[in-house]
Every structure is written in structure tokens, then in C-alpha cells.
Protein backbone atom coordinates (compact mmCIF):
# COMPACT_ATOMS: atom_id res chain seq x y z
CA MET A 1 11.62 125.93 135.00
CA MET A 2 9.91 127.14 131.82
CA ARG A 3 12.62 125.50 129.71
CA TYR A 4 11.96 122.16 131.48
CA VAL A 5 8.19 122.40 130.90
CA ARG A 6 8.72 123.17 127.20
CA PHE A 7 11.17 120.24 126.86
CA ALA A 8 8.83 117.84 128.68
CA SER A 9 5.91 118.98 126.54
CA THR A 10 7.90 118.51 123.33
CA MET A 11 9.04 115.04 124.38
CA GLY A 12 5.52 114.07 125.38
CA CYS A 13 4.17 115.09 121.95
CA ALA A 14 7.00 113.27 120.17
CA LEU A 15 6.34 110.07 122.13
CA ALA A 16 2.61 110.29 121.49
CA LEU A 17 3.13 110.73 117.77
CA ALA A 18 5.68 107.91 117.61
CA SER A 19 3.14 105.49 119.07
CA VAL A 20 0.65 106.14 116.25
CA PRO A 21 1.15 103.84 113.23
CA ALA A 22 1.88 105.58 109.96
CA GLN A 23 -1.31 105.66 107.93
CA ALA A 24 -0.20 107.43 104.80
CA CYS A 25 2.45 107.26 102.14
CA ARG A 26 5.16 109.86 102.19
CA VAL A 27 4.89 110.19 98.43
CA ARG A 28 1.85 108.85 96.67
CA LEU A 29 1.38 109.59 93.02
CA SER A 30 -2.05 109.39 91.49
CA ALA A 31 -2.60 106.67 88.89
CA GLU A 32 -2.48 109.37 86.21
CA GLU A 33 0.88 110.74 87.41
CA ASN A 34 2.29 107.25 87.85
CA LEU A 35 1.29 106.12 84.35
CA ARG A 36 2.23 109.37 82.62
CA GLY A 37 5.73 109.21 84.10
CA ALA A 38 6.14 105.57 83.09
CA TYR A 39 5.00 106.27 79.50
CA GLU A 40 7.41 109.22 79.28
CA LYS A 41 10.28 107.00 80.41
CA GLY A 42 9.30 104.18 78.02
CA ILE A 43 8.91 101.68 80.84
CA PHE A 44 5.97 99.68 79.48
CA SER A 45 6.57 96.71 77.20
CA SER A 46 2.89 95.69 77.18
CA VAL A 47 -0.50 96.85 78.42
CA ALA A 48 -3.44 94.47 78.65
CA ILE A 49 -7.09 94.54 79.67
CA VAL A 50 -7.85 91.43 81.71
CA THR A 51 -10.80 89.77 83.39
CA ILE A 52 -10.26 88.46 86.91
CA VAL A 53 -10.85 84.73 87.22
CA GLU A 54 -9.87 84.31 90.86
CA ALA A 55 -8.43 86.51 93.61
CA LYS A 56 -7.47 85.69 97.16
CA HIS A 57 -5.54 87.13 100.07
CA THR A 58 -2.06 85.61 100.20
CA GLN A 59 -1.31 86.47 103.83
CA PRO A 60 -3.15 87.80 106.84
CA GLY A 61 -3.33 91.58 106.94
CA ILE A 62 -0.28 93.37 108.31
CA SER A 63 -1.30 96.71 109.82
CA ASP A 64 -3.36 98.19 106.97
CA ALA A 65 -1.67 96.15 104.20
CA HIS A 66 -3.72 93.25 102.83
CA PRO A 67 -1.65 91.31 100.25
CA TRP A 68 -3.59 89.52 97.56
CA SER A 69 -3.03 87.74 94.29
CA ALA A 70 -5.29 87.50 91.24
CA THR A 71 -5.38 85.19 88.25
CA ALA A 72 -6.80 86.79 85.11
CA ASN A 73 -7.40 86.11 81.44
CA VAL A 74 -6.13 88.59 78.87
CA ASP A 75 -9.08 90.05 76.92
CA GLN A 76 -7.34 92.70 74.89
CA LEU A 77 -3.76 93.73 74.29
CA LEU A 78 -3.40 97.52 73.96
CA LEU A 79 0.38 97.68 73.61
CA GLY A 80 3.17 95.21 72.84
CA SER A 81 2.86 91.44 72.89
CA LEU A 82 2.15 89.06 75.71
CA GLU A 83 2.24 85.33 76.27
CA PRO A 84 0.57 83.43 77.92
CA LYS A 85 -3.04 84.57 77.87
CA THR A 86 -3.55 83.85 81.58
CA LEU A 87 -1.53 85.76 84.15
CA THR A 88 -1.16 86.33 87.85
CA PHE A 89 -0.50 89.64 89.58
CA GLU A 90 -0.31 90.84 93.17
CA ARG A 91 -1.52 93.89 95.03
CA GLY A 92 -1.92 95.09 98.57
CA TRP A 93 1.64 94.72 99.85
CA GLY A 94 1.98 98.35 100.89
CA SER A 95 -0.14 100.42 103.15
CA SER A 96 -3.60 100.81 101.66
CA ALA A 97 -2.86 104.53 101.43
CA CYS A 98 0.16 103.71 99.25
CA ASP A 99 -1.57 101.03 97.21
CA GLY A 100 -4.29 103.34 95.92
CA GLY A 101 -6.86 101.80 98.26
CA HIS A 102 -8.00 99.20 95.73
CA PRO A 103 -9.62 96.27 97.52
CA LEU A 104 -9.32 92.60 96.64
CA ALA A 105 -10.39 92.10 93.02
CA GLN A 106 -13.52 90.09 92.37
CA PRO A 107 -14.10 87.43 89.69
CA GLY A 108 -15.48 89.02 86.53
CA GLU A 109 -13.94 92.44 87.18
CA LYS A 110 -11.89 94.01 84.42
CA TRP A 111 -8.45 95.43 85.19
CA ALA A 112 -5.68 97.09 83.19
CA VAL A 113 -2.29 95.49 83.74
CA TYR A 114 0.97 97.23 82.79
CA PHE A 115 4.14 95.23 82.12
CA TRP A 116 7.85 96.02 81.89
CA LYS A 117 10.55 93.82 80.44
CA HIS A 118 13.13 92.43 82.84
CA PRO A 119 16.32 91.44 81.00
CA GLU A 120 16.50 88.00 82.66
CA ARG A 121 12.96 87.23 83.84
CA GLY A 122 10.90 88.44 80.87
CA GLN A 123 7.76 90.52 81.23
CA LEU A 124 6.76 91.41 84.78
CA VAL A 125 3.76 93.30 86.08
CA TRP A 126 4.68 96.91 86.76
CA ALA A 127 1.23 98.18 87.79
CA SER A 128 -2.41 97.17 87.78
CA TYR A 129 -5.61 99.16 88.18
CA PRO A 130 -9.33 98.44 88.08
CA LEU A 131 -10.50 99.29 84.57
CA GLN A 132 -12.47 102.35 85.67
CA ALA A 133 -9.41 103.81 87.46
CA ALA A 134 -7.14 102.98 84.49
CA SER A 135 -9.59 104.55 82.05
CA ALA A 136 -9.66 107.77 84.07
CA ALA A 137 -5.84 107.83 84.28
CA ASP A 138 -4.71 106.49 80.89
CA PRO A 139 -5.93 107.99 77.60
CA MET A 140 -4.99 104.79 75.73
CA VAL A 141 -7.31 102.71 77.92
CA GLU A 142 -10.05 105.33 77.66
CA ARG A 143 -9.80 105.33 73.81
CA SER A 144 -9.90 101.54 73.77
CA LEU A 145 -13.08 101.49 75.83
CA LYS A 146 -14.72 104.07 73.56
CA LEU A 147 -13.86 101.95 70.52
CA ASP A 148 -15.36 98.86 72.18
CA ILE A 149 -18.59 100.74 72.92
CA ARG A 150 -18.94 101.78 69.25
CA ARG A 151 -18.62 98.19 68.01
């Protein structure tokens, strides 16, 4: 009898947990860890500071994912070369816990955008962060901001 109660209890807990949507990433690196690893592997072809011109949700929210797309103008190139001077990038496809929790960008906001070079499709966005988050995570962005303040 005790064995049955234990089994029923275990199954009840398993079913209860299975009905709860996953709210967190299994592995979520901080922006600093993510960028440091990419720099060490030589992933980035370009890094740019941009100003958001327009941003909008591209689809209705799915669970806690809220996909959006932003159009931005390149203000400053910190690494590599980049054409054109206006770009589009997306965020919000994963769970908000996995996507760093950054909400829809707003016009006028500054972001750091990191690119990698695809052999057939050219430069593609690898990562993007609000400028304050990028500055805290990336010494190159932080140095760039300090130089701008001195000017």
C-alpha cells in the first residue's frame, strides 16, 4: 500500500509540474559571458552603435516570447566595416528569460549591434543589446562611450 501511495504521489507531482509552462532558459549566459566568448572565438566581423528609428512587434506574443523588429541608423562603427548605414534586427523570439528580458526598443534609443560574416549571405546580426547593457558587458563599448563623453 505504501508503495502505491508513493507512486501516486510521484505521478501527481510530475503531472502538476508538466502542466506549468517553462519560464526560464536551461542555459542563459549573461551579456558579458556571451560577448566575451564570441570575442575569444573571433566571431564578430563588425560592431556598431545604432539609434533606433522604428520598432514594432512582428507577431502576437507566443507564451512569454514577444518577437519584434527594429530599424536603426548606424551612428558609430567600433569594429570592422558595415554597409549600408541603416539596418534591421530582430529580438524577442525566445522566452523573455532567454532573450535577456529586453523589451521592445523605442525610437531614439541607442543599441549596440554585433555582426558575424556568413559566407553566402554577408554580414548578419549575431546579437544586440541596449547601449547601457552593452556598455556594462563589453569593455570596447564602454571605452567608446567614455571617449564620446570627453569630446
